[in-house]
Amino acid sequence: MADLTLYGDSAWVSPWVFHALVALEELGRPYRLERLPLPLPEKAAEQLVAKAILGKLPCLVHGELWLTESSAISEYLAEEFPRPALLPTDRDARARARQVMSWLRTALQALRDERPTTSVFQRPVTTPLSEKAREAANELVRVTEALLAPGAQYLFGAWSMADADLSLALMRLAANGDPLPARISDYALVQWNRPSIRKYLSYVPTNRLK
């Protein structure tokens, strides 16, 4: 019987549920998946607040621990189940991976607004990017080019959660026909074909990128 449970959104459009589910899939451990609609029903919201302090999705349950915030979830899983590694084993590379994941959660707001995850998973957007969103897209490409060595498939030698998060950010452009340098597009598509990410995509209703 699974000793891990993940609560996620039933519409499958949250980048943070994406992150948590990919982490669990990478570990290869059994887990139970519970899907909740958004906005959360009152009873479910009350339970999450009571158990996890922050009543949000995703929420990981492991024993007595109820934990929200996607990066906290993957950090916890990486410490609790060190193999296979979810984060780089090298200290400096691990710090850089955490930097990238934090940045992706706090930056690029104009791009996230104009190329939401629904445009990646379900319905493309045809409206051209605004100046602010284009600036964010250029910054995303610049950071990726700075981190990704020529010919590399992963940011830090081996796959990590930072690759999953960065690929989703890049797919905000690729899935909507916005220009990307060929090697950056190829990198994103390599991640998109990873079994853990394909598993997430298999849950998305009417997903156009399966």
N, C-alpha and C. Protein backbone atom coordinates (compact mmCIF):
# COMPACT_ATOMS: atom_id res chain seq x y z
N MET A 1 0.84 -1.19 0.00
CA MET A 1 0.00 0.00 0.00
C MET A 1 0.88 1.25 0.00
N ALA A 2 0.49 2.24 -0.80
CA ALA A 2 1.29 3.46 -0.91
C ALA A 2 1.31 4.22 0.41
N ASP A 3 2.49 4.67 0.82
CA ASP A 3 2.58 5.49 2.03
C ASP A 3 2.70 6.96 1.70
N LEU A 4 2.59 7.30 0.42
CA LEU A 4 2.64 8.68 -0.05
C LEU A 4 1.35 9.01 -0.78
N THR A 5 0.84 10.20 -0.53
CA THR A 5 -0.35 10.67 -1.24
C THR A 5 -0.08 12.06 -1.76
N LEU A 6 -0.47 12.30 -3.00
CA LEU A 6 -0.35 13.63 -3.58
C LEU A 6 -1.74 14.15 -3.91
N TYR A 7 -2.06 15.31 -3.37
CA TYR A 7 -3.29 16.01 -3.72
C TYR A 7 -2.96 17.02 -4.82
N GLY A 8 -3.66 16.91 -5.93
CA GLY A 8 -3.43 17.81 -7.05
C GLY A 8 -4.73 18.36 -7.59
N ASP A 9 -4.62 19.27 -8.56
CA ASP A 9 -5.83 19.88 -9.12
C ASP A 9 -6.39 19.00 -10.23
N SER A 10 -7.71 18.87 -10.25
CA SER A 10 -8.36 17.97 -11.20
C SER A 10 -8.32 18.48 -12.63
N ALA A 11 -8.02 19.77 -12.83
CA ALA A 11 -7.92 20.32 -14.19
C ALA A 11 -6.55 20.10 -14.80
N TRP A 12 -5.56 19.74 -13.99
CA TRP A 12 -4.21 19.46 -14.47
C TRP A 12 -3.60 20.65 -15.21
N VAL A 13 -3.67 21.82 -14.63
CA VAL A 13 -3.05 22.99 -15.25
C VAL A 13 -2.05 23.68 -14.32
N SER A 14 -1.82 23.14 -13.14
CA SER A 14 -0.91 23.79 -12.19
C SER A 14 0.54 23.38 -12.47
N PRO A 15 1.44 24.36 -12.70
CA PRO A 15 2.85 24.00 -12.87
C PRO A 15 3.45 23.42 -11.60
N TRP A 16 2.84 23.71 -10.46
CA TRP A 16 3.40 23.24 -9.20
C TRP A 16 2.97 21.79 -8.93
N VAL A 17 1.76 21.44 -9.32
CA VAL A 17 1.36 20.02 -9.27
C VAL A 17 2.21 19.22 -10.25
N PHE A 18 2.46 19.80 -11.42
CA PHE A 18 3.37 19.20 -12.39
C PHE A 18 4.70 18.86 -11.73
N HIS A 19 5.28 19.81 -11.03
CA HIS A 19 6.57 19.63 -10.36
C HIS A 19 6.52 18.49 -9.35
N ALA A 20 5.49 18.48 -8.50
CA ALA A 20 5.40 17.47 -7.45
C ALA A 20 5.16 16.08 -8.01
N LEU A 21 4.31 15.97 -9.02
CA LEU A 21 4.04 14.65 -9.59
C LEU A 21 5.26 14.11 -10.32
N VAL A 22 5.96 14.98 -11.04
CA VAL A 22 7.19 14.53 -11.72
C VAL A 22 8.20 14.03 -10.70
N ALA A 23 8.34 14.71 -9.58
CA ALA A 23 9.27 14.27 -8.53
C ALA A 23 8.90 12.87 -8.04
N LEU A 24 7.63 12.64 -7.77
CA LEU A 24 7.20 11.32 -7.30
C LEU A 24 7.43 10.25 -8.37
N GLU A 25 7.13 10.57 -9.60
CA GLU A 25 7.34 9.60 -10.68
C GLU A 25 8.82 9.26 -10.84
N GLU A 26 9.68 10.25 -10.69
CA GLU A 26 11.12 10.00 -10.81
C GLU A 26 11.61 9.06 -9.72
N LEU A 27 11.02 9.14 -8.54
CA LEU A 27 11.44 8.26 -7.45
C LEU A 27 11.03 6.82 -7.68
N GLY A 28 9.96 6.62 -8.44
CA GLY A 28 9.50 5.26 -8.73
C GLY A 28 8.87 4.57 -7.54
N ARG A 29 8.46 5.33 -6.54
CA ARG A 29 7.80 4.75 -5.38
C ARG A 29 6.29 4.82 -5.56
N PRO A 30 5.56 3.83 -5.00
CA PRO A 30 4.10 3.90 -5.11
C PRO A 30 3.54 5.10 -4.36
N TYR A 31 2.55 5.70 -4.94
CA TYR A 31 1.87 6.82 -4.28
C TYR A 31 0.42 6.83 -4.74
N ARG A 32 -0.41 7.45 -3.91
CA ARG A 32 -1.82 7.59 -4.22
C ARG A 32 -2.06 9.00 -4.71
N LEU A 33 -2.91 9.14 -5.71
CA LEU A 33 -3.19 10.44 -6.28
C LEU A 33 -4.64 10.82 -5.98
N GLU A 34 -4.81 11.97 -5.35
CA GLU A 34 -6.14 12.50 -5.06
C GLU A 34 -6.31 13.81 -5.81
N ARG A 35 -7.41 13.93 -6.56
CA ARG A 35 -7.63 15.12 -7.39
C ARG A 35 -8.75 15.96 -6.80
N LEU A 36 -8.49 17.25 -6.68
CA LEU A 36 -9.46 18.17 -6.11
C LEU A 36 -9.72 19.31 -7.10
N PRO A 37 -10.96 19.78 -7.17
CA PRO A 37 -11.25 20.91 -8.05
C PRO A 37 -10.75 22.21 -7.45
N LEU A 38 -10.52 23.17 -8.31
CA LEU A 38 -10.20 24.53 -7.88
C LEU A 38 -11.29 25.47 -8.35
N PRO A 39 -11.76 26.36 -7.50
CA PRO A 39 -11.34 26.56 -6.11
C PRO A 39 -11.69 25.36 -5.24
N LEU A 40 -10.92 25.19 -4.18
CA LEU A 40 -11.10 24.03 -3.32
C LEU A 40 -12.46 24.03 -2.65
N PRO A 41 -13.12 22.87 -2.60
CA PRO A 41 -14.34 22.78 -1.79
C PRO A 41 -14.04 23.14 -0.33
N GLU A 42 -15.02 23.68 0.34
CA GLU A 42 -14.82 24.21 1.70
C GLU A 42 -14.23 23.16 2.64
N LYS A 43 -14.77 21.95 2.59
CA LYS A 43 -14.29 20.91 3.51
C LYS A 43 -12.83 20.55 3.23
N ALA A 44 -12.48 20.41 1.94
CA ALA A 44 -11.10 20.09 1.59
C ALA A 44 -10.16 21.22 1.98
N ALA A 45 -10.59 22.46 1.77
CA ALA A 45 -9.76 23.60 2.15
C ALA A 45 -9.52 23.64 3.65
N GLU A 46 -10.55 23.36 4.42
CA GLU A 46 -10.41 23.35 5.88
C GLU A 46 -9.44 22.25 6.32
N GLN A 47 -9.52 21.08 5.68
CA GLN A 47 -8.63 19.98 6.05
C GLN A 47 -7.18 20.34 5.73
N LEU A 48 -6.95 20.94 4.55
CA LEU A 48 -5.59 21.30 4.18
C LEU A 48 -5.02 22.35 5.12
N VAL A 49 -5.82 23.33 5.49
CA VAL A 49 -5.35 24.36 6.43
C VAL A 49 -5.02 23.73 7.78
N ALA A 50 -5.87 22.83 8.23
CA ALA A 50 -5.66 22.21 9.53
C ALA A 50 -4.43 21.31 9.54
N LYS A 51 -4.20 20.61 8.44
CA LYS A 51 -3.11 19.63 8.41
C LYS A 51 -1.79 20.20 7.88
N ALA A 52 -1.89 21.06 6.85
CA ALA A 52 -0.68 21.53 6.16
C ALA A 52 -0.35 22.98 6.44
N ILE A 53 -1.15 23.65 7.25
CA ILE A 53 -0.97 25.06 7.60
C ILE A 53 -1.35 25.97 6.43
N LEU A 54 -0.80 25.69 5.25
CA LEU A 54 -1.15 26.45 4.05
C LEU A 54 -2.09 25.61 3.21
N GLY A 55 -3.31 26.06 3.05
CA GLY A 55 -4.33 25.28 2.35
C GLY A 55 -4.25 25.44 0.86
N LYS A 56 -3.26 24.78 0.24
CA LYS A 56 -2.99 24.96 -1.18
C LYS A 56 -2.74 23.60 -1.83
N LEU A 57 -2.68 23.62 -3.15
CA LEU A 57 -2.25 22.45 -3.92
C LEU A 57 -1.00 22.83 -4.69
N PRO A 58 -0.09 21.85 -4.86
CA PRO A 58 -0.17 20.45 -4.44
C PRO A 58 0.07 20.31 -2.93
N CYS A 59 -0.36 19.16 -2.43
CA CYS A 59 -0.08 18.80 -1.05
C CYS A 59 0.39 17.36 -1.01
N LEU A 60 1.52 17.13 -0.38
CA LEU A 60 2.05 15.78 -0.19
C LEU A 60 1.75 15.33 1.23
N VAL A 61 1.26 14.10 1.34
CA VAL A 61 1.04 13.50 2.65
C VAL A 61 1.97 12.30 2.78
N HIS A 62 2.77 12.31 3.85
CA HIS A 62 3.67 11.19 4.13
C HIS A 62 3.64 10.96 5.63
N GLY A 63 2.95 9.91 6.03
CA GLY A 63 2.78 9.68 7.46
C GLY A 63 1.95 10.80 8.07
N GLU A 64 2.49 11.43 9.11
CA GLU A 64 1.79 12.53 9.77
C GLU A 64 2.05 13.88 9.11
N LEU A 65 2.96 13.91 8.15
CA LEU A 65 3.33 15.17 7.51
C LEU A 65 2.41 15.49 6.34
N TRP A 66 1.81 16.67 6.38
CA TRP A 66 1.09 17.23 5.25
C TRP A 66 1.86 18.46 4.81
N LEU A 67 2.32 18.48 3.56
CA LEU A 67 3.26 19.52 3.12
C LEU A 67 2.80 20.12 1.80
N THR A 68 2.70 21.45 1.76
CA THR A 68 2.42 22.15 0.52
C THR A 68 3.65 22.93 0.08
N GLU A 69 3.53 23.61 -1.06
CA GLU A 69 4.61 24.33 -1.77
C GLU A 69 5.48 23.31 -2.52
N SER A 70 5.45 23.40 -3.84
CA SER A 70 6.06 22.37 -4.68
C SER A 70 7.55 22.19 -4.43
N SER A 71 8.29 23.29 -4.27
CA SER A 71 9.73 23.16 -4.05
C SER A 71 10.02 22.53 -2.69
N ALA A 72 9.19 22.82 -1.68
CA ALA A 72 9.35 22.18 -0.38
C ALA A 72 9.08 20.68 -0.50
N ILE A 73 8.10 20.32 -1.32
CA ILE A 73 7.78 18.91 -1.52
C ILE A 73 8.94 18.16 -2.15
N SER A 74 9.50 18.70 -3.22
CA SER A 74 10.60 17.99 -3.88
C SER A 74 11.85 17.97 -3.00
N GLU A 75 12.09 19.03 -2.24
CA GLU A 75 13.23 19.03 -1.32
C GLU A 75 13.05 17.95 -0.25
N TYR A 76 11.85 17.85 0.27
CA TYR A 76 11.57 16.82 1.27
C TYR A 76 11.78 15.42 0.69
N LEU A 77 11.23 15.19 -0.50
CA LEU A 77 11.37 13.88 -1.14
C LEU A 77 12.84 13.56 -1.43
N ALA A 78 13.60 14.58 -1.83
CA ALA A 78 15.01 14.36 -2.13
C ALA A 78 15.79 13.94 -0.89
N GLU A 79 15.40 14.48 0.27
CA GLU A 79 16.09 14.10 1.52
C GLU A 79 15.58 12.76 2.05
N GLU A 80 14.30 12.53 1.94
CA GLU A 80 13.71 11.30 2.47
C GLU A 80 14.07 10.08 1.63
N PHE A 81 14.18 10.28 0.31
CA PHE A 81 14.48 9.19 -0.62
C PHE A 81 15.62 9.65 -1.53
N PRO A 82 16.86 9.52 -1.07
CA PRO A 82 17.99 10.11 -1.79
C PRO A 82 18.32 9.47 -3.14
N ARG A 83 17.81 8.27 -3.40
CA ARG A 83 18.09 7.61 -4.67
C ARG A 83 16.80 7.14 -5.29
N PRO A 84 16.61 7.43 -6.58
CA PRO A 84 17.45 8.24 -7.47
C PRO A 84 17.40 9.72 -7.09
N ALA A 85 18.48 10.42 -7.41
CA ALA A 85 18.61 11.80 -6.97
C ALA A 85 17.67 12.72 -7.75
N LEU A 86 16.94 13.54 -7.02
CA LEU A 86 16.07 14.54 -7.65
C LEU A 86 16.80 15.85 -7.90
N LEU A 87 17.88 16.07 -7.15
CA LEU A 87 18.69 17.28 -7.29
C LEU A 87 20.14 16.87 -7.52
N PRO A 88 20.95 17.75 -8.11
CA PRO A 88 22.36 17.40 -8.35
C PRO A 88 23.06 16.98 -7.07
N THR A 89 23.94 16.02 -7.19
CA THR A 89 24.68 15.55 -6.01
C THR A 89 25.84 16.49 -5.65
N ASP A 90 26.36 17.21 -6.62
CA ASP A 90 27.40 18.20 -6.36
C ASP A 90 26.80 19.41 -5.64
N ARG A 91 27.46 19.89 -4.59
CA ARG A 91 26.90 20.98 -3.78
C ARG A 91 26.66 22.24 -4.59
N ASP A 92 27.66 22.65 -5.38
CA ASP A 92 27.51 23.89 -6.13
C ASP A 92 26.42 23.77 -7.19
N ALA A 93 26.37 22.63 -7.87
CA ALA A 93 25.34 22.42 -8.88
C ALA A 93 23.96 22.37 -8.23
N ARG A 94 23.90 21.78 -7.05
CA ARG A 94 22.61 21.71 -6.33
C ARG A 94 22.14 23.11 -5.94
N ALA A 95 23.06 23.95 -5.51
CA ALA A 95 22.71 25.33 -5.19
C ALA A 95 22.22 26.07 -6.44
N ARG A 96 22.86 25.84 -7.56
CA ARG A 96 22.45 26.49 -8.80
C ARG A 96 21.07 25.99 -9.24
N ALA A 97 20.83 24.71 -9.08
CA ALA A 97 19.51 24.16 -9.43
C ALA A 97 18.42 24.81 -8.58
N ARG A 98 18.69 24.97 -7.29
CA ARG A 98 17.71 25.63 -6.41
C ARG A 98 17.52 27.09 -6.81
N GLN A 99 18.59 27.74 -7.23
CA GLN A 99 18.49 29.12 -7.69
C GLN A 99 17.56 29.20 -8.90
N VAL A 100 17.75 28.31 -9.86
CA VAL A 100 16.93 28.31 -11.07
C VAL A 100 15.47 28.07 -10.72
N MET A 101 15.19 27.08 -9.86
CA MET A 101 13.81 26.77 -9.52
C MET A 101 13.14 27.91 -8.77
N SER A 102 13.88 28.57 -7.89
CA SER A 102 13.32 29.72 -7.19
C SER A 102 13.03 30.85 -8.15
N TRP A 103 13.94 31.11 -9.06
CA TRP A 103 13.77 32.18 -10.04
C TRP A 103 12.54 31.93 -10.91
N LEU A 104 12.35 30.70 -11.34
CA LEU A 104 11.20 30.38 -12.19
C LEU A 104 9.87 30.58 -11.46
N ARG A 105 9.90 30.52 -10.13
CA ARG A 105 8.68 30.72 -9.35
C ARG A 105 8.39 32.19 -9.05
N THR A 106 9.38 33.04 -9.23
CA THR A 106 9.22 34.43 -8.80
C THR A 106 9.43 35.44 -9.92
N ALA A 107 9.85 35.00 -11.09
CA ALA A 107 10.16 35.91 -12.19
C ALA A 107 9.29 35.59 -13.41
N LEU A 108 9.51 36.32 -14.48
CA LEU A 108 8.86 36.07 -15.78
C LEU A 108 7.34 36.18 -15.72
N GLN A 109 6.84 37.06 -14.86
CA GLN A 109 5.39 37.12 -14.65
C GLN A 109 4.63 37.47 -15.93
N ALA A 110 5.14 38.39 -16.72
CA ALA A 110 4.43 38.77 -17.95
C ALA A 110 4.32 37.59 -18.91
N LEU A 111 5.38 36.80 -18.99
CA LEU A 111 5.34 35.62 -19.85
C LEU A 111 4.35 34.59 -19.31
N ARG A 112 4.35 34.40 -18.00
CA ARG A 112 3.41 33.43 -17.41
C ARG A 112 1.97 33.87 -17.59
N ASP A 113 1.74 35.19 -17.55
CA ASP A 113 0.39 35.70 -17.75
C ASP A 113 -0.09 35.48 -19.19
N GLU A 114 0.79 35.72 -20.15
CA GLU A 114 0.39 35.67 -21.55
C GLU A 114 0.55 34.29 -22.18
N ARG A 115 1.32 33.43 -21.55
CA ARG A 115 1.48 32.05 -22.01
C ARG A 115 1.27 31.12 -20.81
N PRO A 116 0.02 31.07 -20.31
CA PRO A 116 -0.25 30.25 -19.12
C PRO A 116 -0.11 28.76 -19.42
N THR A 117 -0.11 27.96 -18.38
CA THR A 117 0.05 26.52 -18.60
C THR A 117 -1.11 25.93 -19.38
N THR A 118 -2.29 26.55 -19.35
CA THR A 118 -3.37 26.05 -20.20
C THR A 118 -2.99 26.13 -21.67
N SER A 119 -2.17 27.11 -22.04
CA SER A 119 -1.74 27.23 -23.44
C SER A 119 -0.70 26.18 -23.80
N VAL A 120 -0.05 25.64 -22.80
CA VAL A 120 0.91 24.55 -23.03
C VAL A 120 0.18 23.21 -23.15
N PHE A 121 -0.72 22.96 -22.20
CA PHE A 121 -1.34 21.65 -22.11
C PHE A 121 -2.61 21.49 -22.94
N GLN A 122 -3.34 22.58 -23.17
CA GLN A 122 -4.67 22.44 -23.75
C GLN A 122 -4.93 23.34 -24.95
N ARG A 123 -4.91 24.64 -24.78
CA ARG A 123 -5.33 25.55 -25.84
C ARG A 123 -4.23 26.55 -26.14
N PRO A 124 -3.69 26.54 -27.37
CA PRO A 124 -2.62 27.48 -27.70
C PRO A 124 -3.14 28.92 -27.73
N VAL A 125 -2.22 29.85 -27.55
CA VAL A 125 -2.52 31.27 -27.62
C VAL A 125 -1.92 31.81 -28.91
N THR A 126 -2.71 32.58 -29.64
CA THR A 126 -2.22 33.12 -30.91
C THR A 126 -1.87 34.60 -30.82
N THR A 127 -2.23 35.25 -29.72
CA THR A 127 -1.92 36.66 -29.56
C THR A 127 -0.41 36.87 -29.44
N PRO A 128 0.17 37.79 -30.18
CA PRO A 128 1.61 38.04 -30.05
C PRO A 128 1.98 38.48 -28.63
N LEU A 129 3.18 38.18 -28.23
CA LEU A 129 3.66 38.60 -26.92
C LEU A 129 3.76 40.11 -26.83
N SER A 130 3.42 40.65 -25.69
CA SER A 130 3.63 42.07 -25.43
C SER A 130 5.12 42.34 -25.28
N GLU A 131 5.47 43.61 -25.22
CA GLU A 131 6.89 43.96 -25.04
C GLU A 131 7.43 43.39 -23.74
N LYS A 132 6.67 43.49 -22.66
CA LYS A 132 7.13 42.97 -21.38
C LYS A 132 7.29 41.45 -21.42
N ALA A 133 6.34 40.78 -22.04
CA ALA A 133 6.43 39.32 -22.13
C ALA A 133 7.59 38.89 -23.02
N ARG A 134 7.83 39.63 -24.10
CA ARG A 134 8.96 39.32 -24.96
C ARG A 134 10.27 39.53 -24.22
N GLU A 135 10.35 40.57 -23.40
CA GLU A 135 11.55 40.77 -22.57
C GLU A 135 11.76 39.60 -21.63
N ALA A 136 10.66 39.11 -21.03
CA ALA A 136 10.76 37.95 -20.14
C ALA A 136 11.20 36.72 -20.90
N ALA A 137 10.67 36.54 -22.11
CA ALA A 137 11.05 35.39 -22.93
C ALA A 137 12.53 35.46 -23.29
N ASN A 138 13.01 36.64 -23.63
CA ASN A 138 14.43 36.80 -23.95
C ASN A 138 15.31 36.48 -22.74
N GLU A 139 14.84 36.88 -21.57
CA GLU A 139 15.61 36.59 -20.35
C GLU A 139 15.61 35.09 -20.07
N LEU A 140 14.50 34.43 -20.30
CA LEU A 140 14.43 32.98 -20.13
C LEU A 140 15.42 32.28 -21.05
N VAL A 141 15.47 32.71 -22.29
CA VAL A 141 16.41 32.12 -23.25
C VAL A 141 17.85 32.42 -22.83
N ARG A 142 18.11 33.63 -22.41
CA ARG A 142 19.48 34.00 -22.00
C ARG A 142 19.95 33.13 -20.85
N VAL A 143 19.11 32.95 -19.85
CA VAL A 143 19.48 32.14 -18.69
C VAL A 143 19.71 30.69 -19.11
N THR A 144 18.84 30.17 -19.96
CA THR A 144 19.01 28.78 -20.41
C THR A 144 20.31 28.61 -21.17
N GLU A 145 20.62 29.54 -22.06
CA GLU A 145 21.86 29.45 -22.82
C GLU A 145 23.08 29.55 -21.91
N ALA A 146 22.98 30.33 -20.85
CA ALA A 146 24.10 30.46 -19.92
C ALA A 146 24.33 29.18 -19.12
N LEU A 147 23.26 28.45 -18.84
CA LEU A 147 23.36 27.25 -18.00
C LEU A 147 23.62 25.97 -18.79
N LEU A 148 23.12 25.92 -20.02
CA LEU A 148 23.14 24.66 -20.79
C LEU A 148 24.40 24.59 -21.64
N ALA A 149 25.27 23.65 -21.33
CA ALA A 149 26.50 23.48 -22.10
C ALA A 149 26.17 23.01 -23.52
N PRO A 150 26.99 23.38 -24.50
CA PRO A 150 26.75 22.95 -25.88
C PRO A 150 26.64 21.42 -25.97
N GLY A 151 25.59 20.94 -26.61
CA GLY A 151 25.39 19.51 -26.79
C GLY A 151 24.83 18.78 -25.59
N ALA A 152 24.63 19.49 -24.48
CA ALA A 152 24.14 18.82 -23.26
C ALA A 152 22.63 18.63 -23.31
N GLN A 153 22.18 17.54 -22.71
CA GLN A 153 20.74 17.28 -22.59
C GLN A 153 20.18 17.76 -21.26
N TYR A 154 21.06 17.96 -20.26
CA TYR A 154 20.63 18.35 -18.92
C TYR A 154 21.49 19.52 -18.44
N LEU A 155 20.95 20.26 -17.51
CA LEU A 155 21.65 21.46 -17.03
C LEU A 155 22.91 21.14 -16.26
N PHE A 156 22.87 20.05 -15.47
CA PHE A 156 23.95 19.79 -14.51
C PHE A 156 24.54 18.39 -14.67
N GLY A 157 24.69 17.93 -15.90
CA GLY A 157 25.31 16.64 -16.16
C GLY A 157 24.34 15.49 -16.13
N ALA A 158 23.49 15.43 -15.12
CA ALA A 158 22.44 14.43 -15.02
C ALA A 158 21.12 15.16 -14.79
N TRP A 159 20.03 14.50 -15.09
CA TRP A 159 18.71 15.12 -14.95
C TRP A 159 18.46 15.53 -13.51
N SER A 160 17.75 16.65 -13.34
CA SER A 160 17.30 17.08 -12.01
C SER A 160 15.96 17.78 -12.15
N MET A 161 15.35 18.09 -11.01
CA MET A 161 14.07 18.77 -11.01
C MET A 161 14.15 20.14 -11.70
N ALA A 162 15.32 20.74 -11.70
CA ALA A 162 15.48 22.02 -12.39
C ALA A 162 15.22 21.87 -13.88
N ASP A 163 15.58 20.71 -14.46
CA ASP A 163 15.31 20.47 -15.87
C ASP A 163 13.81 20.40 -16.13
N ALA A 164 13.07 19.78 -15.22
CA ALA A 164 11.62 19.71 -15.39
C ALA A 164 11.00 21.09 -15.36
N ASP A 165 11.37 21.90 -14.37
CA ASP A 165 10.80 23.23 -14.25
C ASP A 165 11.18 24.12 -15.43
N LEU A 166 12.44 24.06 -15.83
CA LEU A 166 12.89 24.92 -16.93
C LEU A 166 12.23 24.51 -18.24
N SER A 167 12.07 23.21 -18.45
CA SER A 167 11.43 22.76 -19.69
C SER A 167 9.99 23.25 -19.78
N LEU A 168 9.28 23.26 -18.66
CA LEU A 168 7.91 23.76 -18.68
C LEU A 168 7.89 25.25 -19.02
N ALA A 169 8.82 26.00 -18.46
CA ALA A 169 8.91 27.44 -18.78
C ALA A 169 9.17 27.63 -20.27
N LEU A 170 10.07 26.84 -20.83
CA LEU A 170 10.38 26.97 -22.26
C LEU A 170 9.22 26.52 -23.14
N MET A 171 8.46 25.55 -22.67
CA MET A 171 7.31 25.09 -23.45
C MET A 171 6.22 26.15 -23.52
N ARG A 172 6.23 27.12 -22.63
CA ARG A 172 5.30 28.24 -22.76
C ARG A 172 5.52 28.96 -24.09
N LEU A 173 6.74 28.92 -24.58
CA LEU A 173 7.05 29.50 -25.88
C LEU A 173 6.90 28.47 -26.99
N ALA A 174 7.53 27.32 -26.84
CA ALA A 174 7.54 26.33 -27.92
C ALA A 174 6.14 25.86 -28.29
N ALA A 175 5.29 25.64 -27.30
CA ALA A 175 3.95 25.11 -27.55
C ALA A 175 3.03 26.12 -28.21
N ASN A 176 3.41 27.39 -28.16
CA ASN A 176 2.58 28.45 -28.73
C ASN A 176 3.18 29.06 -29.99
N GLY A 177 4.22 28.40 -30.51
CA GLY A 177 4.80 28.86 -31.76
C GLY A 177 5.70 30.07 -31.65
N ASP A 178 6.08 30.44 -30.42
CA ASP A 178 7.01 31.55 -30.25
C ASP A 178 8.43 31.07 -30.52
N PRO A 179 9.27 31.92 -31.09
CA PRO A 179 10.60 31.47 -31.51
C PRO A 179 11.51 31.10 -30.35
N LEU A 180 12.28 30.04 -30.58
CA LEU A 180 13.31 29.59 -29.65
C LEU A 180 14.51 29.15 -30.46
N PRO A 181 15.74 29.40 -29.97
CA PRO A 181 16.91 28.82 -30.64
C PRO A 181 16.79 27.30 -30.70
N ALA A 182 17.29 26.72 -31.76
CA ALA A 182 17.10 25.29 -32.01
C ALA A 182 17.60 24.44 -30.85
N ARG A 183 18.76 24.75 -30.32
CA ARG A 183 19.29 23.88 -29.27
C ARG A 183 18.49 24.01 -27.97
N ILE A 184 17.88 25.18 -27.75
CA ILE A 184 17.04 25.36 -26.57
C ILE A 184 15.72 24.61 -26.74
N SER A 185 15.17 24.69 -27.94
CA SER A 185 13.95 23.93 -28.24
C SER A 185 14.19 22.44 -28.12
N ASP A 186 15.33 21.97 -28.64
CA ASP A 186 15.67 20.54 -28.56
C ASP A 186 15.80 20.10 -27.11
N TYR A 187 16.44 20.93 -26.29
CA TYR A 187 16.59 20.61 -24.86
C TYR A 187 15.22 20.46 -24.20
N ALA A 188 14.32 21.41 -24.46
CA ALA A 188 13.00 21.35 -23.85
C ALA A 188 12.26 20.09 -24.26
N LEU A 189 12.36 19.71 -25.54
CA LEU A 189 11.64 18.54 -26.03
C LEU A 189 12.22 17.24 -25.48
N VAL A 190 13.52 17.21 -25.23
CA VAL A 190 14.12 16.03 -24.57
C VAL A 190 13.48 15.82 -23.20
N GLN A 191 13.35 16.90 -22.45
CA GLN A 191 12.72 16.77 -21.13
C GLN A 191 11.26 16.37 -21.26
N TRP A 192 10.58 16.93 -22.24
CA TRP A 192 9.14 16.69 -22.43
C TRP A 192 8.85 15.22 -22.74
N ASN A 193 9.84 14.52 -23.26
CA ASN A 193 9.66 13.10 -23.58
C ASN A 193 10.11 12.18 -22.46
N ARG A 194 10.50 12.74 -21.34
CA ARG A 194 10.89 11.92 -20.19
C ARG A 194 9.66 11.21 -19.63
N PRO A 195 9.77 9.93 -19.23
CA PRO A 195 8.60 9.19 -18.76
C PRO A 195 7.83 9.87 -17.63
N SER A 196 8.53 10.52 -16.71
CA SER A 196 7.81 11.17 -15.60
C SER A 196 6.93 12.31 -16.11
N ILE A 197 7.42 13.05 -17.08
CA ILE A 197 6.63 14.15 -17.64
C ILE A 197 5.51 13.60 -18.52
N ARG A 198 5.80 12.55 -19.27
CA ARG A 198 4.73 11.93 -20.07
C ARG A 198 3.61 11.41 -19.18
N LYS A 199 3.97 10.96 -17.99
CA LYS A 199 2.94 10.50 -17.06
C LYS A 199 2.02 11.64 -16.69
N TYR A 200 2.59 12.79 -16.36
CA TYR A 200 1.75 13.94 -16.05
C TYR A 200 0.86 14.27 -17.24
N LEU A 201 1.44 14.32 -18.43
CA LEU A 201 0.68 14.69 -19.61
C LEU A 201 -0.46 13.72 -19.88
N SER A 202 -0.29 12.46 -19.48
CA SER A 202 -1.34 11.48 -19.73
C SER A 202 -2.60 11.77 -18.93
N TYR A 203 -2.48 12.53 -17.87
CA TYR A 203 -3.63 12.87 -17.05
C TYR A 203 -4.39 14.09 -17.57
N VAL A 204 -3.74 14.92 -18.40
CA VAL A 204 -4.34 16.19 -18.79
C VAL A 204 -5.47 15.95 -19.78
N PRO A 205 -6.68 16.40 -19.48
CA PRO A 205 -7.80 16.21 -20.42
C PRO A 205 -7.53 16.93 -21.75
N THR A 206 -7.82 16.27 -22.83
CA THR A 206 -7.66 16.83 -24.18
C THR A 206 -6.29 17.45 -24.38
N ASN A 207 -5.28 16.84 -23.77
CA ASN A 207 -3.93 17.38 -23.92
C ASN A 207 -3.49 17.27 -25.37
N ARG A 208 -3.00 18.35 -25.90
CA ARG A 208 -2.58 18.38 -27.31
C ARG A 208 -1.11 18.04 -27.49
N LEU A 209 -0.38 17.82 -26.42
CA LEU A 209 1.05 17.56 -26.52
C LEU A 209 1.43 16.17 -26.04
N LYS A 210 0.48 15.25 -26.03
CA LYS A 210 0.79 13.88 -25.60
C LYS A 210 1.70 13.21 -26.60
